[in-house]
Amino acid sequence: MFTTGQWTFAALFFVAFVILTYFAYGKDKALHQKVYKGSYKILIGFLLFVALLFVIKILTKH
């Protein structure tokens, strides 16, 4: 399905992308901690809401 060259390119691209992303966001880490303080609470609330929707779907299915 894929040639060896394509797999090599995909692996190198992925590694380079992860490294560059890490350095790009690493520079802004202090700013992110200041501006987005407490944003994990929003994420937890969103995940709980999605879980609640699944529970409601399962309960109303029977």
C-alpha atoms as a PDB file:
ATOM      1  CA  MET A   1       0.000   0.000   0.000  1.00  0.00           C
ATOM      2  CA  PHE A   2       2.778   2.455   0.927  1.00  0.00           C
ATOM      3  CA  THR A   3       6.348   2.360  -0.248  1.00  0.00           C
ATOM      4  CA  THR A   4       9.303   2.340   2.104  1.00  0.00           C
ATOM      5  CA  GLY A   5      10.104   5.906   1.076  1.00  0.00           C
ATOM      6  CA  GLN A   6       6.614   7.074   2.001  1.00  0.00           C
ATOM      7  CA  TRP A   7       6.826   5.421   5.432  1.00  0.00           C
ATOM      8  CA  THR A   8      10.237   7.015   5.993  1.00  0.00           C
ATOM      9  CA  PHE A   9       8.940  10.433   4.997  1.00  0.00           C
ATOM     10  CA  ALA A  10       5.891  10.049   7.254  1.00  0.00           C
ATOM     11  CA  ALA A  11       8.044   9.049  10.231  1.00  0.00           C
ATOM     12  CA  LEU A  12      10.516  11.895   9.719  1.00  0.00           C
ATOM     13  CA  PHE A  13       7.708  14.397   9.198  1.00  0.00           C
ATOM     14  CA  PHE A  14       5.985  13.259  12.401  1.00  0.00           C
ATOM     15  CA  VAL A  15       9.185  13.508  14.450  1.00  0.00           C
ATOM     16  CA  ALA A  16       9.990  16.946  13.045  1.00  0.00           C
ATOM     17  CA  PHE A  17       6.422  18.149  13.635  1.00  0.00           C
ATOM     18  CA  VAL A  18       6.454  17.018  17.275  1.00  0.00           C
ATOM     19  CA  ILE A  19       9.840  18.617  17.931  1.00  0.00           C
ATOM     20  CA  LEU A  20       8.898  21.932  16.301  1.00  0.00           C
ATOM     21  CA  THR A  21       5.553  22.026  18.089  1.00  0.00           C
ATOM     22  CA  TYR A  22       7.243  21.359  21.415  1.00  0.00           C
ATOM     23  CA  PHE A  23       9.672  24.242  20.940  1.00  0.00           C
ATOM     24  CA  ALA A  24       7.003  26.611  19.610  1.00  0.00           C
ATOM     25  CA  TYR A  25       4.717  26.077  22.592  1.00  0.00           C
ATOM     26  CA  GLY A  26       7.631  25.886  25.012  1.00  0.00           C
ATOM     27  CA  LYS A  27       8.446  29.527  24.320  1.00  0.00           C
ATOM     28  CA  ASP A  28       4.901  30.556  25.268  1.00  0.00           C
ATOM     29  CA  LYS A  29       4.596  28.338  28.341  1.00  0.00           C
ATOM     30  CA  ALA A  30       4.802  31.188  30.869  1.00  0.00           C
ATOM     31  CA  LEU A  31       2.227  33.211  28.958  1.00  0.00           C
ATOM     32  CA  HIS A  32      -0.132  30.237  28.682  1.00  0.00           C
ATOM     33  CA  GLN A  33       0.044  29.564  32.419  1.00  0.00           C
ATOM     34  CA  LYS A  34      -0.863  33.182  33.111  1.00  0.00           C
ATOM     35  CA  VAL A  35      -3.607  33.662  30.530  1.00  0.00           C
ATOM     36  CA  TYR A  36      -5.214  30.211  30.595  1.00  0.00           C
ATOM     37  CA  LYS A  37      -5.106  29.598  34.338  1.00  0.00           C
ATOM     38  CA  GLY A  38      -7.888  27.228  35.376  1.00  0.00           C
ATOM     39  CA  SER A  39      -8.798  26.180  31.850  1.00  0.00           C
ATOM     40  CA  TYR A  40      -8.551  22.521  32.877  1.00  0.00           C
ATOM     41  CA  LYS A  41     -11.849  23.034  34.765  1.00  0.00           C
ATOM     42  CA  ILE A  42     -13.555  23.865  31.465  1.00  0.00           C
ATOM     43  CA  LEU A  43     -12.110  20.714  29.901  1.00  0.00           C
ATOM     44  CA  ILE A  44     -13.294  18.545  32.798  1.00  0.00           C
ATOM     45  CA  GLY A  45     -16.762  20.090  32.604  1.00  0.00           C
ATOM     46  CA  PHE A  46     -16.952  19.476  28.869  1.00  0.00           C
ATOM     47  CA  LEU A  47     -15.888  15.835  29.246  1.00  0.00           C
ATOM     48  CA  LEU A  48     -18.441  15.313  32.017  1.00  0.00           C
ATOM     49  CA  PHE A  49     -21.144  16.825  29.811  1.00  0.00           C
ATOM     50  CA  VAL A  50     -20.273  14.480  26.932  1.00  0.00           C
ATOM     51  CA  ALA A  51     -20.238  11.515  29.339  1.00  0.00           C
ATOM     52  CA  LEU A  52     -23.652  12.592  30.639  1.00  0.00           C
ATOM     53  CA  LEU A  53     -25.013  12.655  27.090  1.00  0.00           C
ATOM     54  CA  PHE A  54     -23.781   9.095  26.553  1.00  0.00           C
ATOM     55  CA  VAL A  55     -25.371   7.964  29.825  1.00  0.00           C
ATOM     56  CA  ILE A  56     -28.689   9.556  28.853  1.00  0.00           C
ATOM     57  CA  LYS A  57     -28.506   7.911  25.435  1.00  0.00           C
ATOM     58  CA  ILE A  58     -27.866   4.503  26.966  1.00  0.00           C
ATOM     59  CA  LEU A  59     -30.612   4.871  29.578  1.00  0.00           C
ATOM     60  CA  THR A  60     -33.247   6.018  27.102  1.00  0.00           C
ATOM     61  CA  LYS A  61     -32.365   3.278  24.616  1.00  0.00           C
ATOM     62  CA  HIS A  62     -33.835   0.505  26.788  1.00  0.00           C
END
